[in-house]
PDB file of N, CA and C in Angstrom:
ATOM      1  N   UNK A   1       9.082   1.083  18.366  1.00  0.00           N
ATOM      2  CA  UNK A   1       9.634  -0.198  18.070  1.00  0.00           C
ATOM      3  C   UNK A   1       9.525  -1.053  19.320  1.00  0.00           C
ATOM      4  N   UNK A   2       9.234  -2.324  19.110  1.00  0.00           N
ATOM      5  CA  UNK A   2       9.053  -3.243  20.221  1.00  0.00           C
ATOM      6  C   UNK A   2      10.081  -4.357  20.125  1.00  0.00           C
ATOM      7  N   UNK A   3      10.713  -4.669  21.223  1.00  0.00           N
ATOM      8  CA  UNK A   3      11.676  -5.765  21.252  1.00  0.00           C
ATOM      9  C   UNK A   3      10.927  -7.037  21.599  1.00  0.00           C
ATOM     10  N   UNK A   4      11.067  -8.038  20.757  1.00  0.00           N
ATOM     11  CA  UNK A   4      10.365  -9.298  20.952  1.00  0.00           C
ATOM     12  C   UNK A   4      11.306 -10.267  21.634  1.00  0.00           C
ATOM     13  N   UNK A   5      10.887 -10.784  22.752  1.00  0.00           N
ATOM     14  CA  UNK A   5      11.689 -11.782  23.470  1.00  0.00           C
ATOM     15  C   UNK A   5      11.439 -13.147  22.864  1.00  0.00           C
ATOM     16  N   UNK A   6      12.480 -13.909  22.719  1.00  0.00           N
ATOM     17  CA  UNK A   6      12.304 -15.232  22.139  1.00  0.00           C
ATOM     18  C   UNK A   6      11.982 -16.244  23.224  1.00  0.00           C
ATOM     19  N   UNK A   7      11.274 -17.253  22.817  1.00  0.00           N
ATOM     20  CA  UNK A   7      10.882 -18.323  23.720  1.00  0.00           C
ATOM     21  C   UNK A   7      11.970 -19.398  23.683  1.00  0.00           C
ATOM     22  N   UNK A   8      12.398 -19.851  24.835  1.00  0.00           N
ATOM     23  CA  UNK A   8      13.462 -20.854  24.884  1.00  0.00           C
ATOM     24  C   UNK A   8      12.975 -22.256  24.534  1.00  0.00           C
ATOM     25  N   UNK A   9      11.681 -22.479  24.553  1.00  0.00           N
ATOM     26  CA  UNK A   9      11.141 -23.806  24.248  1.00  0.00           C
ATOM     27  C   UNK A   9      11.251 -24.127  22.762  1.00  0.00           C
ATOM     28  N   UNK A  10      11.019 -23.155  21.939  1.00  0.00           N
ATOM     29  CA  UNK A  10      11.024 -23.363  20.493  1.00  0.00           C
ATOM     30  C   UNK A  10      12.257 -22.689  19.897  1.00  0.00           C
ATOM     31  N   UNK A  11      12.731 -23.260  18.820  1.00  0.00           N
ATOM     32  CA  UNK A  11      13.903 -22.674  18.169  1.00  0.00           C
ATOM     33  C   UNK A  11      13.531 -21.476  17.310  1.00  0.00           C
ATOM     34  N   UNK A  12      12.565 -21.656  16.415  1.00  0.00           N
ATOM     35  CA  UNK A  12      12.218 -20.589  15.484  1.00  0.00           C
ATOM     36  C   UNK A  12      10.711 -20.550  15.319  1.00  0.00           C
ATOM     37  N   UNK A  13      10.128 -19.400  15.540  1.00  0.00           N
ATOM     38  CA  UNK A  13       8.693 -19.220  15.385  1.00  0.00           C
ATOM     39  C   UNK A  13       8.481 -17.954  14.569  1.00  0.00           C
ATOM     40  N   UNK A  14       7.719 -18.069  13.481  1.00  0.00           N
ATOM     41  CA  UNK A  14       7.404 -16.906  12.652  1.00  0.00           C
ATOM     42  C   UNK A  14       6.250 -16.157  13.298  1.00  0.00           C
ATOM     43  N   UNK A  15       6.442 -14.883  13.511  1.00  0.00           N
ATOM     44  CA  UNK A  15       5.380 -14.073  14.090  1.00  0.00           C
ATOM     45  C   UNK A  15       4.383 -13.714  12.998  1.00  0.00           C
ATOM     46  N   UNK A  16       3.076 -13.915  13.224  1.00  0.00           N
ATOM     47  CA  UNK A  16       2.089 -13.729  12.153  1.00  0.00           C
ATOM     48  C   UNK A  16       2.034 -12.314  11.591  1.00  0.00           C
ATOM     49  N   UNK A  17       2.027 -11.309  12.425  1.00  0.00           N
ATOM     50  CA  UNK A  17       1.929  -9.929  11.930  1.00  0.00           C
ATOM     51  C   UNK A  17       3.176  -9.541  11.142  1.00  0.00           C
ATOM     52  N   UNK A  18       4.322  -9.960  11.611  1.00  0.00           N
ATOM     53  CA  UNK A  18       5.562  -9.632  10.912  1.00  0.00           C
ATOM     54  C   UNK A  18       5.564 -10.257   9.526  1.00  0.00           C
ATOM     55  N   UNK A  19       5.049 -11.476   9.395  1.00  0.00           N
ATOM     56  CA  UNK A  19       4.995 -12.155   8.109  1.00  0.00           C
ATOM     57  C   UNK A  19       4.121 -11.370   7.130  1.00  0.00           C
ATOM     58  N   UNK A  20       3.007 -10.860   7.588  1.00  0.00           N
ATOM     59  CA  UNK A  20       2.104 -10.094   6.722  1.00  0.00           C
ATOM     60  C   UNK A  20       2.791  -8.817   6.244  1.00  0.00           C
ATOM     61  N   UNK A  21       3.471  -8.139   7.132  1.00  0.00           N
ATOM     62  CA  UNK A  21       4.159  -6.895   6.769  1.00  0.00           C
ATOM     63  C   UNK A  21       5.280  -7.175   5.779  1.00  0.00           C
ATOM     64  N   UNK A  22       6.087  -8.202   6.033  1.00  0.00           N
ATOM     65  CA  UNK A  22       7.193  -8.536   5.128  1.00  0.00           C
ATOM     66  C   UNK A  22       6.680  -8.925   3.750  1.00  0.00           C
ATOM     67  N   UNK A  23       5.592  -9.681   3.698  1.00  0.00           N
ATOM     68  CA  UNK A  23       5.017 -10.087   2.416  1.00  0.00           C
ATOM     69  C   UNK A  23       4.526  -8.870   1.645  1.00  0.00           C
ATOM     70  N   UNK A  24       3.841  -7.959   2.327  1.00  0.00           N
ATOM     71  CA  UNK A  24       3.323  -6.759   1.669  1.00  0.00           C
ATOM     72  C   UNK A  24       4.460  -5.873   1.166  1.00  0.00           C
ATOM     73  N   UNK A  25       5.501  -5.705   1.956  1.00  0.00           N
ATOM     74  CA  UNK A  25       6.650  -4.914   1.507  1.00  0.00           C
ATOM     75  C   UNK A  25       7.346  -5.576   0.326  1.00  0.00           C
ATOM     76  N   UNK A  26       7.345  -6.894   0.285  1.00  0.00           N
ATOM     77  CA  UNK A  26       7.904  -7.607  -0.862  1.00  0.00           C
ATOM     78  C   UNK A  26       7.102  -7.343  -2.123  1.00  0.00           C
ATOM     79  N   UNK A  27       5.779  -7.341  -2.003  1.00  0.00           N
ATOM     80  CA  UNK A  27       4.934  -7.050  -3.164  1.00  0.00           C
ATOM     81  C   UNK A  27       5.178  -5.632  -3.660  1.00  0.00           C
ATOM     82  N   UNK A  28       5.262  -4.687  -2.733  1.00  0.00           N
ATOM     83  CA  UNK A  28       5.459  -3.290  -3.115  1.00  0.00           C
ATOM     84  C   UNK A  28       6.821  -3.094  -3.773  1.00  0.00           C
ATOM     85  N   UNK A  29       7.829  -3.824  -3.325  1.00  0.00           N
ATOM     86  CA  UNK A  29       9.174  -3.634  -3.875  1.00  0.00           C
ATOM     87  C   UNK A  29       9.290  -4.112  -5.318  1.00  0.00           C
ATOM     88  N   UNK A  30       8.286  -4.828  -5.824  1.00  0.00           N
ATOM     89  CA  UNK A  30       8.301  -5.225  -7.233  1.00  0.00           C
ATOM     90  C   UNK A  30       8.082  -4.030  -8.156  1.00  0.00           C
ATOM     91  N   UNK A  31       7.542  -2.953  -7.630  1.00  0.00           N
ATOM     92  CA  UNK A  31       7.336  -1.750  -8.426  1.00  0.00           C
ATOM     93  C   UNK A  31       8.630  -0.946  -8.422  1.00  0.00           C
ATOM     94  N   UNK A  32       9.171  -0.721  -9.595  1.00  0.00           N
ATOM     95  CA  UNK A  32      10.510  -0.145  -9.732  1.00  0.00           C
ATOM     96  C   UNK A  32      10.627   1.235  -9.086  1.00  0.00           C
ATOM     97  N   UNK A  33       9.610   2.043  -9.202  1.00  0.00           N
ATOM     98  CA  UNK A  33       9.691   3.401  -8.671  1.00  0.00           C
ATOM     99  C   UNK A  33       9.755   3.406  -7.144  1.00  0.00           C
ATOM    100  N   UNK A  34       9.192   2.385  -6.514  1.00  0.00           N
ATOM    101  CA  UNK A  34       9.180   2.336  -5.056  1.00  0.00           C
ATOM    102  C   UNK A  34      10.413   1.655  -4.476  1.00  0.00           C
ATOM    103  N   UNK A  35      11.283   1.135  -5.338  1.00  0.00           N
ATOM    104  CA  UNK A  35      12.491   0.470  -4.849  1.00  0.00           C
ATOM    105  C   UNK A  35      13.484   1.480  -4.272  1.00  0.00           C
ATOM    106  N   UNK A  36      13.448   2.699  -4.751  1.00  0.00           N
ATOM    107  CA  UNK A  36      14.327   3.756  -4.240  1.00  0.00           C
ATOM    108  C   UNK A  36      13.464   4.936  -3.786  1.00  0.00           C
ATOM    109  N   UNK A  37      14.058   5.824  -3.056  1.00  0.00           N
ATOM    110  CA  UNK A  37      13.334   6.988  -2.558  1.00  0.00           C
ATOM    111  C   UNK A  37      13.575   8.162  -3.503  1.00  0.00           C
ATOM    112  N   UNK A  38      12.779   8.229  -4.572  1.00  0.00           N
ATOM    113  CA  UNK A  38      12.937   9.281  -5.570  1.00  0.00           C
ATOM    114  C   UNK A  38      12.143  10.538  -5.229  1.00  0.00           C
ATOM    115  N   UNK A  39      11.110  10.404  -4.447  1.00  0.00           N
ATOM    116  CA  UNK A  39      10.179  11.509  -4.237  1.00  0.00           C
ATOM    117  C   UNK A  39      10.728  12.507  -3.216  1.00  0.00           C
ATOM    118  N   UNK A  40      10.443  13.771  -3.452  1.00  0.00           N
ATOM    119  CA  UNK A  40      10.893  14.820  -2.531  1.00  0.00           C
ATOM    120  C   UNK A  40       9.926  15.002  -1.378  1.00  0.00           C
ATOM    121  N   UNK A  41       8.653  14.780  -1.634  1.00  0.00           N
ATOM    122  CA  UNK A  41       7.627  15.047  -0.632  1.00  0.00           C
ATOM    123  C   UNK A  41       6.978  13.744  -0.177  1.00  0.00           C
ATOM    124  N   UNK A  42       6.675  13.669   1.091  1.00  0.00           N
ATOM    125  CA  UNK A  42       6.086  12.461   1.667  1.00  0.00           C
ATOM    126  C   UNK A  42       4.707  12.155   1.081  1.00  0.00           C
ATOM    127  N   UNK A  43       3.818  13.142   0.868  1.00  0.00           N
ATOM    128  CA  UNK A  43       2.519  12.808   0.270  1.00  0.00           C
ATOM    129  C   UNK A  43       2.643  12.183  -1.124  1.00  0.00           C
ATOM    130  N   UNK A  44       3.630  12.597  -1.888  1.00  0.00           N
ATOM    131  CA  UNK A  44       3.838  12.002  -3.211  1.00  0.00           C
ATOM    132  C   UNK A  44       4.263  10.549  -3.078  1.00  0.00           C
ATOM    133  N   UNK A  45       5.175  10.266  -2.170  1.00  0.00           N
ATOM    134  CA  UNK A  45       5.618   8.889  -1.955  1.00  0.00           C
ATOM    135  C   UNK A  45       4.461   8.026  -1.462  1.00  0.00           C
ATOM    136  N   UNK A  46       3.640   8.571  -0.565  1.00  0.00           N
ATOM    137  CA  UNK A  46       2.488   7.821  -0.059  1.00  0.00           C
ATOM    138  C   UNK A  46       1.485   7.541  -1.173  1.00  0.00           C
ATOM    139  N   UNK A  47       1.320   8.483  -2.086  1.00  0.00           N
ATOM    140  CA  UNK A  47       0.406   8.275  -3.210  1.00  0.00           C
ATOM    141  C   UNK A  47       0.892   7.146  -4.109  1.00  0.00           C
ATOM    142  N   UNK A  48       2.195   7.057  -4.335  1.00  0.00           N
ATOM    143  CA  UNK A  48       2.716   5.977  -5.170  1.00  0.00           C
ATOM    144  C   UNK A  48       2.586   4.617  -4.486  1.00  0.00           C
ATOM    145  N   UNK A  49       2.714   4.590  -3.167  1.00  0.00           N
ATOM    146  CA  UNK A  49       2.490   3.333  -2.440  1.00  0.00           C
ATOM    147  C   UNK A  49       1.033   2.921  -2.570  1.00  0.00           C
ATOM    148  N   UNK A  50       0.124   3.889  -2.454  1.00  0.00           N
ATOM    149  CA  UNK A  50      -1.303   3.582  -2.628  1.00  0.00           C
ATOM    150  C   UNK A  50      -1.590   3.063  -4.029  1.00  0.00           C
ATOM    151  N   UNK A  51      -1.019   3.706  -5.033  1.00  0.00           N
ATOM    152  CA  UNK A  51      -1.228   3.245  -6.407  1.00  0.00           C
ATOM    153  C   UNK A  51      -0.701   1.829  -6.604  1.00  0.00           C
ATOM    154  N   UNK A  52       0.425   1.525  -6.013  1.00  0.00           N
ATOM    155  CA  UNK A  52       0.979   0.178  -6.126  1.00  0.00           C
ATOM    156  C   UNK A  52       0.052  -0.838  -5.474  1.00  0.00           C
ATOM    157  N   UNK A  53      -0.479  -0.518  -4.296  1.00  0.00           N
ATOM    158  CA  UNK A  53      -1.375  -1.456  -3.621  1.00  0.00           C
ATOM    159  C   UNK A  53      -2.697  -1.600  -4.368  1.00  0.00           C
ATOM    160  N   UNK A  54      -3.190  -0.520  -4.964  1.00  0.00           N
ATOM    161  CA  UNK A  54      -4.410  -0.616  -5.772  1.00  0.00           C
ATOM    162  C   UNK A  54      -4.173  -1.536  -6.956  1.00  0.00           C
ATOM    163  N   UNK A  55      -3.031  -1.391  -7.592  1.00  0.00           N
ATOM    164  CA  UNK A  55      -2.703  -2.258  -8.732  1.00  0.00           C
ATOM    165  C   UNK A  55      -2.611  -3.723  -8.309  1.00  0.00           C
ATOM    166  N   UNK A  56      -1.977  -3.973  -7.171  1.00  0.00           N
ATOM    167  CA  UNK A  56      -1.857  -5.345  -6.668  1.00  0.00           C
ATOM    168  C   UNK A  56      -3.235  -5.930  -6.388  1.00  0.00           C
ATOM    169  N   UNK A  57      -4.104  -5.160  -5.744  1.00  0.00           N
ATOM    170  CA  UNK A  57      -5.443  -5.661  -5.412  1.00  0.00           C
ATOM    171  C   UNK A  57      -6.296  -5.876  -6.648  1.00  0.00           C
ATOM    172  N   UNK A  58      -6.192  -4.981  -7.629  1.00  0.00           N
ATOM    173  CA  UNK A  58      -6.960  -5.155  -8.864  1.00  0.00           C
ATOM    174  C   UNK A  58      -6.506  -6.387  -9.635  1.00  0.00           C
ATOM    175  N   UNK A  59      -5.204  -6.619  -9.682  1.00  0.00           N
ATOM    176  CA  UNK A  59      -4.697  -7.811 -10.376  1.00  0.00           C
ATOM    177  C   UNK A  59      -5.150  -9.084  -9.669  1.00  0.00           C
ATOM    178  N   UNK A  60      -5.152  -9.058  -8.345  1.00  0.00           N
ATOM    179  CA  UNK A  60      -5.601 -10.228  -7.597  1.00  0.00           C
ATOM    180  C   UNK A  60      -7.089 -10.474  -7.817  1.00  0.00           C
ATOM    181  N   UNK A  61      -7.893  -9.407  -7.812  1.00  0.00           N
ATOM    182  CA  UNK A  61      -9.325  -9.551  -8.029  1.00  0.00           C
ATOM    183  C   UNK A  61      -9.610 -10.052  -9.441  1.00  0.00           C
ATOM    184  N   UNK A  62      -8.880  -9.558 -10.430  1.00  0.00           N
ATOM    185  CA  UNK A  62      -9.077 -10.008 -11.809  1.00  0.00           C
ATOM    186  C   UNK A  62      -8.687 -11.468 -11.968  1.00  0.00           C
ATOM    187  N   UNK A  63      -7.670 -11.905 -11.243  1.00  0.00           N
ATOM    188  CA  UNK A  63      -7.224 -13.294 -11.334  1.00  0.00           C
ATOM    189  C   UNK A  63      -8.283 -14.242 -10.782  1.00  0.00           C
ATOM    190  N   UNK A  64      -8.955 -13.858  -9.690  1.00  0.00           N
ATOM    191  CA  UNK A  64      -9.944 -14.736  -9.078  1.00  0.00           C
ATOM    192  C   UNK A  64     -11.322 -14.612  -9.707  1.00  0.00           C
ATOM    193  N   UNK A  65     -11.588 -13.552 -10.444  1.00  0.00           N
ATOM    194  CA  UNK A  65     -12.916 -13.366 -11.027  1.00  0.00           C
ATOM    195  C   UNK A  65     -13.077 -14.064 -12.369  1.00  0.00           C
ATOM    196  N   UNK A  66     -11.982 -14.499 -12.988  1.00  0.00           N
ATOM    197  CA  UNK A  66     -12.105 -15.166 -14.290  1.00  0.00           C
ATOM    198  C   UNK A  66     -12.255 -16.640 -14.154  1.00  0.00           C
TER     199      UNK A  66
END
């Protein structure tokens, strides 16, 4: 974990990488199974995250291809 020092010149600045991570976690949280930690094993949980991201990417590709 990294502690980010704030700049005194500006009041509020959105960090670009943090925004991407927060947006992606928001998309993943729309999938009901990933909202809670139901899985016993880490590889199973990772597989469901992958499936969720594949679904998100396929829906986005289908939206732009029509």
